Amino acid sequence: MVNFDPTINPIAASLQERLLRLDEVRKIIPLSRPTIYRRIQEGKFPAPLKDGRCSLWEESKVRAYAEQLAEQPQP
C-alpha cells in the first residue's frame, strides 16, 4: 500500500508536480550528468526524488535553477 501523506512520502508530495528524468533535466539545463550530480553533492543543484533506482526532479525546481543561472553575470 502506498502512503500518500506528503510529509512521509516525497513522491506523493510531488504528484501535483511534473517530474523529470535526467534526460529531460539536461534539455533544460545543458550540463553533463557528472556535473549535475557534483552540483547536487555541493548543494548547488536541486536533489532528485528517488523512486527505487530512478531519480526524478521536480520541474519547478529545475526551471527555478535555470532562471537563477540565467541571472548570473557571464564572465
PDB file of N, CA and C in Angstrom:
ATOM      1  N   MET A   1       0.839  -1.183   0.000  1.00  0.00           N
ATOM      2  CA  MET A   1       0.000   0.000   0.000  1.00  0.00           C
ATOM      3  C   MET A   1       0.884   1.247   0.000  1.00  0.00           C
ATOM      4  N   VAL A   2       0.570   2.189  -0.865  1.00  0.00           N
ATOM      5  CA  VAL A   2       1.337   3.426  -0.980  1.00  0.00           C
ATOM      6  C   VAL A   2       0.799   4.447   0.012  1.00  0.00           C
ATOM      7  N   ASN A   3       1.710   5.085   0.739  1.00  0.00           N
ATOM      8  CA  ASN A   3       1.317   6.124   1.680  1.00  0.00           C
ATOM      9  C   ASN A   3       1.342   7.457   0.938  1.00  0.00           C
ATOM     10  N   PHE A   4       0.186   8.098   0.797  1.00  0.00           N
ATOM     11  CA  PHE A   4       0.099   9.352   0.057  1.00  0.00           C
ATOM     12  C   PHE A   4       0.234  10.586   0.949  1.00  0.00           C
ATOM     13  N   ASP A   5       0.655  10.402   2.175  1.00  0.00           N
ATOM     14  CA  ASP A   5       0.890  11.534   3.072  1.00  0.00           C
ATOM     15  C   ASP A   5       2.168  12.238   2.624  1.00  0.00           C
ATOM     16  N   PRO A   6       2.093  13.503   2.139  1.00  0.00           N
ATOM     17  CA  PRO A   6       3.280  14.187   1.628  1.00  0.00           C
ATOM     18  C   PRO A   6       4.371  14.409   2.658  1.00  0.00           C
ATOM     19  N   THR A   7       4.031  14.328   3.949  1.00  0.00           N
ATOM     20  CA  THR A   7       5.071  14.503   4.965  1.00  0.00           C
ATOM     21  C   THR A   7       5.899  13.239   5.126  1.00  0.00           C
ATOM     22  N   ILE A   8       5.389  12.105   4.656  1.00  0.00           N
ATOM     23  CA  ILE A   8       6.087  10.826   4.775  1.00  0.00           C
ATOM     24  C   ILE A   8       6.652  10.377   3.434  1.00  0.00           C
ATOM     25  N   ASN A   9       5.909  10.583   2.362  1.00  0.00           N
ATOM     26  CA  ASN A   9       6.292  10.095   1.041  1.00  0.00           C
ATOM     27  C   ASN A   9       6.574  11.266   0.106  1.00  0.00           C
ATOM     28  N   PRO A  10       7.875  11.545  -0.206  1.00  0.00           N
ATOM     29  CA  PRO A  10       8.190  12.702  -1.055  1.00  0.00           C
ATOM     30  C   PRO A  10       7.649  12.572  -2.469  1.00  0.00           C
ATOM     31  N   ILE A  11       7.478  11.357  -2.966  1.00  0.00           N
ATOM     32  CA  ILE A  11       6.908  11.177  -4.299  1.00  0.00           C
ATOM     33  C   ILE A  11       5.444  11.617  -4.279  1.00  0.00           C
ATOM     34  N   ALA A  12       4.722  11.279  -3.227  1.00  0.00           N
ATOM     35  CA  ALA A  12       3.320  11.700  -3.113  1.00  0.00           C
ATOM     36  C   ALA A  12       3.225  13.214  -3.035  1.00  0.00           C
ATOM     37  N   ALA A  13       4.195  13.856  -2.417  1.00  0.00           N
ATOM     38  CA  ALA A  13       4.186  15.313  -2.314  1.00  0.00           C
ATOM     39  C   ALA A  13       4.289  15.955  -3.684  1.00  0.00           C
ATOM     40  N   SER A  14       4.850  15.238  -4.632  1.00  0.00           N
ATOM     41  CA  SER A  14       5.074  15.796  -5.959  1.00  0.00           C
ATOM     42  C   SER A  14       4.060  15.312  -6.989  1.00  0.00           C
ATOM     43  N   LEU A  15       2.995  14.679  -6.550  1.00  0.00           N
ATOM     44  CA  LEU A  15       2.007  14.177  -7.503  1.00  0.00           C
ATOM     45  C   LEU A  15       1.374  15.304  -8.307  1.00  0.00           C
ATOM     46  N   GLN A  16       1.299  16.490  -7.744  1.00  0.00           N
ATOM     47  CA  GLN A  16       0.732  17.631  -8.442  1.00  0.00           C
ATOM     48  C   GLN A  16       1.758  18.277  -9.369  1.00  0.00           C
ATOM     49  N   GLU A  17       2.994  17.878  -9.241  1.00  0.00           N
ATOM     50  CA  GLU A  17       4.116  18.475  -9.968  1.00  0.00           C
ATOM     51  C   GLU A  17       4.591  17.513 -11.053  1.00  0.00           C
ATOM     52  N   ARG A  18       4.999  18.046 -12.186  1.00  0.00           N
ATOM     53  CA  ARG A  18       5.587  17.211 -13.234  1.00  0.00           C
ATOM     54  C   ARG A  18       6.986  16.813 -12.799  1.00  0.00           C
ATOM     55  N   LEU A  19       7.279  15.528 -12.885  1.00  0.00           N
ATOM     56  CA  LEU A  19       8.589  15.019 -12.521  1.00  0.00           C
ATOM     57  C   LEU A  19       9.369  14.712 -13.790  1.00  0.00           C
ATOM     58  N   LEU A  20      10.654  15.075 -13.778  1.00  0.00           N
ATOM     59  CA  LEU A  20      11.509  14.934 -14.953  1.00  0.00           C
ATOM     60  C   LEU A  20      12.592  13.905 -14.708  1.00  0.00           C
ATOM     61  N   ARG A  21      12.888  13.132 -15.740  1.00  0.00           N
ATOM     62  CA  ARG A  21      14.032  12.231 -15.700  1.00  0.00           C
ATOM     63  C   ARG A  21      15.264  13.034 -16.123  1.00  0.00           C
ATOM     64  N   LEU A  22      16.431  12.441 -15.944  1.00  0.00           N
ATOM     65  CA  LEU A  22      17.684  13.161 -16.190  1.00  0.00           C
ATOM     66  C   LEU A  22      17.775  13.701 -17.614  1.00  0.00           C
ATOM     67  N   ASP A  23      17.355  12.931 -18.605  1.00  0.00           N
ATOM     68  CA  ASP A  23      17.457  13.421 -19.984  1.00  0.00           C
ATOM     69  C   ASP A  23      16.599  14.657 -20.216  1.00  0.00           C
ATOM     70  N   GLU A  24      15.454  14.736 -19.528  1.00  0.00           N
ATOM     71  CA  GLU A  24      14.606  15.929 -19.639  1.00  0.00           C
ATOM     72  C   GLU A  24      15.218  17.111 -18.899  1.00  0.00           C
ATOM     73  N   VAL A  25      15.842  16.841 -17.754  1.00  0.00           N
ATOM     74  CA  VAL A  25      16.528  17.888 -16.988  1.00  0.00           C
ATOM     75  C   VAL A  25      17.640  18.490 -17.849  1.00  0.00           C
ATOM     76  N   ARG A  26      18.379  17.641 -18.554  1.00  0.00           N
ATOM     77  CA  ARG A  26      19.510  18.101 -19.358  1.00  0.00           C
ATOM     78  C   ARG A  26      19.063  18.908 -20.579  1.00  0.00           C
ATOM     79  N   LYS A  27      17.814  18.775 -20.988  1.00  0.00           N
ATOM     80  CA  LYS A  27      17.295  19.622 -22.066  1.00  0.00           C
ATOM     81  C   LYS A  27      17.058  21.047 -21.561  1.00  0.00           C
ATOM     82  N   ILE A  28      16.760  21.182 -20.278  1.00  0.00           N
ATOM     83  CA  ILE A  28      16.531  22.495 -19.667  1.00  0.00           C
ATOM     84  C   ILE A  28      17.850  23.101 -19.202  1.00  0.00           C
ATOM     85  N   ILE A  29      18.676  22.282 -18.575  1.00  0.00           N
ATOM     86  CA  ILE A  29      19.978  22.701 -18.047  1.00  0.00           C
ATOM     87  C   ILE A  29      21.038  21.927 -18.826  1.00  0.00           C
ATOM     88  N   PRO A  30      21.724  22.537 -19.762  1.00  0.00           N
ATOM     89  CA  PRO A  30      22.680  21.798 -20.596  1.00  0.00           C
ATOM     90  C   PRO A  30      23.993  21.504 -19.872  1.00  0.00           C
ATOM     91  N   LEU A  31      23.907  20.628 -18.878  1.00  0.00           N
ATOM     92  CA  LEU A  31      25.082  20.199 -18.132  1.00  0.00           C
ATOM     93  C   LEU A  31      25.227  18.686 -18.280  1.00  0.00           C
ATOM     94  N   SER A  32      26.437  18.207 -18.148  1.00  0.00           N
ATOM     95  CA  SER A  32      26.659  16.763 -18.217  1.00  0.00           C
ATOM     96  C   SER A  32      26.123  16.092 -16.952  1.00  0.00           C
ATOM     97  N   ARG A  33      25.900  14.794 -17.053  1.00  0.00           N
ATOM     98  CA  ARG A  33      25.421  14.021 -15.905  1.00  0.00           C
ATOM     99  C   ARG A  33      26.374  14.165 -14.714  1.00  0.00           C
ATOM    100  N   PRO A  34      27.702  13.983 -14.910  1.00  0.00           N
ATOM    101  CA  PRO A  34      28.609  14.132 -13.761  1.00  0.00           C
ATOM    102  C   PRO A  34      28.562  15.522 -13.132  1.00  0.00           C
ATOM    103  N   THR A  35      28.417  16.553 -13.958  1.00  0.00           N
ATOM    104  CA  THR A  35      28.351  17.916 -13.428  1.00  0.00           C
ATOM    105  C   THR A  35      27.090  18.109 -12.598  1.00  0.00           C
ATOM    106  N   ILE A  36      25.968  17.600 -13.063  1.00  0.00           N
ATOM    107  CA  ILE A  36      24.717  17.708 -12.303  1.00  0.00           C
ATOM    108  C   ILE A  36      24.862  17.025 -10.953  1.00  0.00           C
ATOM    109  N   TYR A  37      25.365  15.793 -10.934  1.00  0.00           N
ATOM    110  CA  TYR A  37      25.492  15.073  -9.667  1.00  0.00           C
ATOM    111  C   TYR A  37      26.543  15.705  -8.752  1.00  0.00           C
ATOM    112  N   ARG A  38      27.593  16.292  -9.311  1.00  0.00           N
ATOM    113  CA  ARG A  38      28.583  17.000  -8.480  1.00  0.00           C
ATOM    114  C   ARG A  38      27.933  18.221  -7.831  1.00  0.00           C
ATOM    115  N   ARG A  39      27.146  18.952  -8.614  1.00  0.00           N
ATOM    116  CA  ARG A  39      26.474  20.136  -8.055  1.00  0.00           C
ATOM    117  C   ARG A  39      25.438  19.746  -7.011  1.00  0.00           C
ATOM    118  N   ILE A  40      24.808  18.593  -7.155  1.00  0.00           N
ATOM    119  CA  ILE A  40      23.885  18.106  -6.125  1.00  0.00           C
ATOM    120  C   ILE A  40      24.660  17.877  -4.839  1.00  0.00           C
ATOM    121  N   GLN A  41      25.813  17.215  -4.922  1.00  0.00           N
ATOM    122  CA  GLN A  41      26.637  16.953  -3.733  1.00  0.00           C
ATOM    123  C   GLN A  41      27.111  18.246  -3.082  1.00  0.00           C
ATOM    124  N   GLU A  42      27.363  19.268  -3.901  1.00  0.00           N
ATOM    125  CA  GLU A  42      27.812  20.564  -3.383  1.00  0.00           C
ATOM    126  C   GLU A  42      26.646  21.398  -2.848  1.00  0.00           C
ATOM    127  N   GLY A  43      25.419  20.923  -3.041  1.00  0.00           N
ATOM    128  CA  GLY A  43      24.245  21.658  -2.589  1.00  0.00           C
ATOM    129  C   GLY A  43      23.865  22.801  -3.516  1.00  0.00           C
ATOM    130  N   LYS A  44      24.362  22.765  -4.762  1.00  0.00           N
ATOM    131  CA  LYS A  44      24.110  23.849  -5.705  1.00  0.00           C
ATOM    132  C   LYS A  44      22.992  23.532  -6.689  1.00  0.00           C
ATOM    133  N   PHE A  45      22.589  22.274  -6.788  1.00  0.00           N
ATOM    134  CA  PHE A  45      21.566  21.847  -7.744  1.00  0.00           C
ATOM    135  C   PHE A  45      20.491  21.098  -6.977  1.00  0.00           C
ATOM    136  N   PRO A  46      19.221  21.241  -7.360  1.00  0.00           N
ATOM    137  CA  PRO A  46      18.151  20.545  -6.628  1.00  0.00           C
ATOM    138  C   PRO A  46      18.361  19.029  -6.625  1.00  0.00           C
ATOM    139  N   ALA A  47      18.227  18.438  -5.478  1.00  0.00           N
ATOM    140  CA  ALA A  47      18.362  16.977  -5.361  1.00  0.00           C
ATOM    141  C   ALA A  47      17.124  16.301  -5.945  1.00  0.00           C
ATOM    142  N   PRO A  48      17.311  15.134  -6.533  1.00  0.00           N
ATOM    143  CA  PRO A  48      16.163  14.422  -7.092  1.00  0.00           C
ATOM    144  C   PRO A  48      15.396  13.676  -6.018  1.00  0.00           C
ATOM    145  N   LEU A  49      14.177  13.326  -6.344  1.00  0.00           N
ATOM    146  CA  LEU A  49      13.410  12.386  -5.547  1.00  0.00           C
ATOM    147  C   LEU A  49      13.790  11.008  -6.060  1.00  0.00           C
ATOM    148  N   LYS A  50      13.824  10.022  -5.204  1.00  0.00           N
ATOM    149  CA  LYS A  50      14.199   8.680  -5.616  1.00  0.00           C
ATOM    150  C   LYS A  50      12.968   7.784  -5.603  1.00  0.00           C
ATOM    151  N   ASP A  51      12.798   7.062  -6.688  1.00  0.00           N
ATOM    152  CA  ASP A  51      11.747   6.054  -6.804  1.00  0.00           C
ATOM    153  C   ASP A  51      12.453   4.754  -7.161  1.00  0.00           C
ATOM    154  N   GLY A  52      12.890   4.042  -6.141  1.00  0.00           N
ATOM    155  CA  GLY A  52      13.730   2.880  -6.381  1.00  0.00           C
ATOM    156  C   GLY A  52      15.075   3.339  -6.907  1.00  0.00           C
ATOM    157  N   ARG A  53      15.427   2.895  -8.099  1.00  0.00           N
ATOM    158  CA  ARG A  53      16.697   3.305  -8.708  1.00  0.00           C
ATOM    159  C   ARG A  53      16.543   4.533  -9.592  1.00  0.00           C
ATOM    160  N   CYS A  54      15.341   4.987  -9.786  1.00  0.00           N
ATOM    161  CA  CYS A  54      15.061   6.102 -10.690  1.00  0.00           C
ATOM    162  C   CYS A  54      15.143   7.437  -9.940  1.00  0.00           C
ATOM    163  N   SER A  55      15.842   8.398 -10.547  1.00  0.00           N
ATOM    164  CA  SER A  55      15.923   9.755  -9.995  1.00  0.00           C
ATOM    165  C   SER A  55      14.968  10.642 -10.777  1.00  0.00           C
ATOM    166  N   LEU A  56      14.157  11.401 -10.050  1.00  0.00           N
ATOM    167  CA  LEU A  56      13.159  12.277 -10.663  1.00  0.00           C
ATOM    168  C   LEU A  56      13.269  13.663 -10.049  1.00  0.00           C
ATOM    169  N   TRP A  57      13.294  14.677 -10.907  1.00  0.00           N
ATOM    170  CA  TRP A  57      13.403  16.060 -10.446  1.00  0.00           C
ATOM    171  C   TRP A  57      12.077  16.774 -10.626  1.00  0.00           C
ATOM    172  N   GLU A  58      11.725  17.618  -9.658  1.00  0.00           N
ATOM    173  CA  GLU A  58      10.528  18.444  -9.769  1.00  0.00           C
ATOM    174  C   GLU A  58      10.809  19.540 -10.797  1.00  0.00           C
ATOM    175  N   GLU A  59       9.938  19.642 -11.799  1.00  0.00           N
ATOM    176  CA  GLU A  59      10.161  20.588 -12.893  1.00  0.00           C
ATOM    177  C   GLU A  59      10.309  22.019 -12.394  1.00  0.00           C
ATOM    178  N   SER A  60       9.504  22.417 -11.425  1.00  0.00           N
ATOM    179  CA  SER A  60       9.567  23.798 -10.946  1.00  0.00           C
ATOM    180  C   SER A  60      10.937  24.126 -10.351  1.00  0.00           C
ATOM    181  N   LYS A  61      11.547  23.175  -9.662  1.00  0.00           N
ATOM    182  CA  LYS A  61      12.872  23.409  -9.062  1.00  0.00           C
ATOM    183  C   LYS A  61      13.956  23.486 -10.132  1.00  0.00           C
ATOM    184  N   VAL A  62      13.829  22.653 -11.161  1.00  0.00           N
ATOM    185  CA  VAL A  62      14.809  22.682 -12.250  1.00  0.00           C
ATOM    186  C   VAL A  62      14.705  24.005 -13.010  1.00  0.00           C
ATOM    187  N   ARG A  63      13.481  24.445 -13.285  1.00  0.00           N
ATOM    188  CA  ARG A  63      13.289  25.701 -14.008  1.00  0.00           C
ATOM    189  C   ARG A  63      13.745  26.895 -13.162  1.00  0.00           C
ATOM    190  N   ALA A  64      13.527  26.846 -11.859  1.00  0.00           N
ATOM    191  CA  ALA A  64      13.999  27.915 -10.973  1.00  0.00           C
ATOM    192  C   ALA A  64      15.527  27.974 -10.988  1.00  0.00           C
ATOM    193  N   TYR A  65      16.174  26.816 -11.017  1.00  0.00           N
ATOM    194  CA  TYR A  65      17.639  26.777 -11.095  1.00  0.00           C
ATOM    195  C   TYR A  65      18.105  27.364 -12.424  1.00  0.00           C
ATOM    196  N   ALA A  66      17.417  27.034 -13.504  1.00  0.00           N
ATOM    197  CA  ALA A  66      17.771  27.569 -14.831  1.00  0.00           C
ATOM    198  C   ALA A  66      17.650  29.093 -14.841  1.00  0.00           C
ATOM    199  N   GLU A  67      16.598  29.621 -14.234  1.00  0.00           N
ATOM    200  CA  GLU A  67      16.425  31.074 -14.156  1.00  0.00           C
ATOM    201  C   GLU A  67      17.539  31.707 -13.339  1.00  0.00           C
ATOM    202  N   GLN A  68      17.912  31.031 -12.246  1.00  0.00           N
ATOM    203  CA  GLN A  68      18.997  31.538 -11.401  1.00  0.00           C
ATOM    204  C   GLN A  68      20.305  31.598 -12.186  1.00  0.00           C
ATOM    205  N   LEU A  69      20.576  30.578 -12.996  1.00  0.00           N
ATOM    206  CA  LEU A  69      21.784  30.577 -13.820  1.00  0.00           C
ATOM    207  C   LEU A  69      21.755  31.699 -14.842  1.00  0.00           C
ATOM    208  N   ALA A  70      20.592  31.933 -15.437  1.00  0.00           N
ATOM    209  CA  ALA A  70      20.456  32.963 -16.453  1.00  0.00           C
ATOM    210  C   ALA A  70      20.682  34.365 -15.891  1.00  0.00           C
ATOM    211  N   GLU A  71      20.371  34.545 -14.604  1.00  0.00           N
ATOM    212  CA  GLU A  71      20.520  35.848 -13.969  1.00  0.00           C
ATOM    213  C   GLU A  71      21.959  36.140 -13.556  1.00  0.00           C
ATOM    214  N   GLN A  72      22.801  35.119 -13.483  1.00  0.00           N
ATOM    215  CA  GLN A  72      24.190  35.315 -13.078  1.00  0.00           C
ATOM    216  C   GLN A  72      24.961  36.000 -14.204  1.00  0.00           C
ATOM    217  N   PRO A  73      25.815  36.940 -13.848  1.00  0.00           N
ATOM    218  CA  PRO A  73      26.637  37.597 -14.884  1.00  0.00           C
ATOM    219  C   PRO A  73      27.593  36.592 -15.518  1.00  0.00           C
ATOM    220  N   GLN A  74      27.729  36.692 -16.833  1.00  0.00           N
ATOM    221  CA  GLN A  74      28.632  35.803 -17.568  1.00  0.00           C
ATOM    222  C   GLN A  74      30.026  36.425 -17.596  1.00  0.00           C
ATOM    223  N   PRO A  75      31.070  35.593 -17.426  1.00  0.00           N
ATOM    224  CA  PRO A  75      32.448  36.126 -17.415  1.00  0.00           C
ATOM    225  C   PRO A  75      32.895  36.578 -18.798  1.00  0.00           C
TER     226      PRO A  75
END
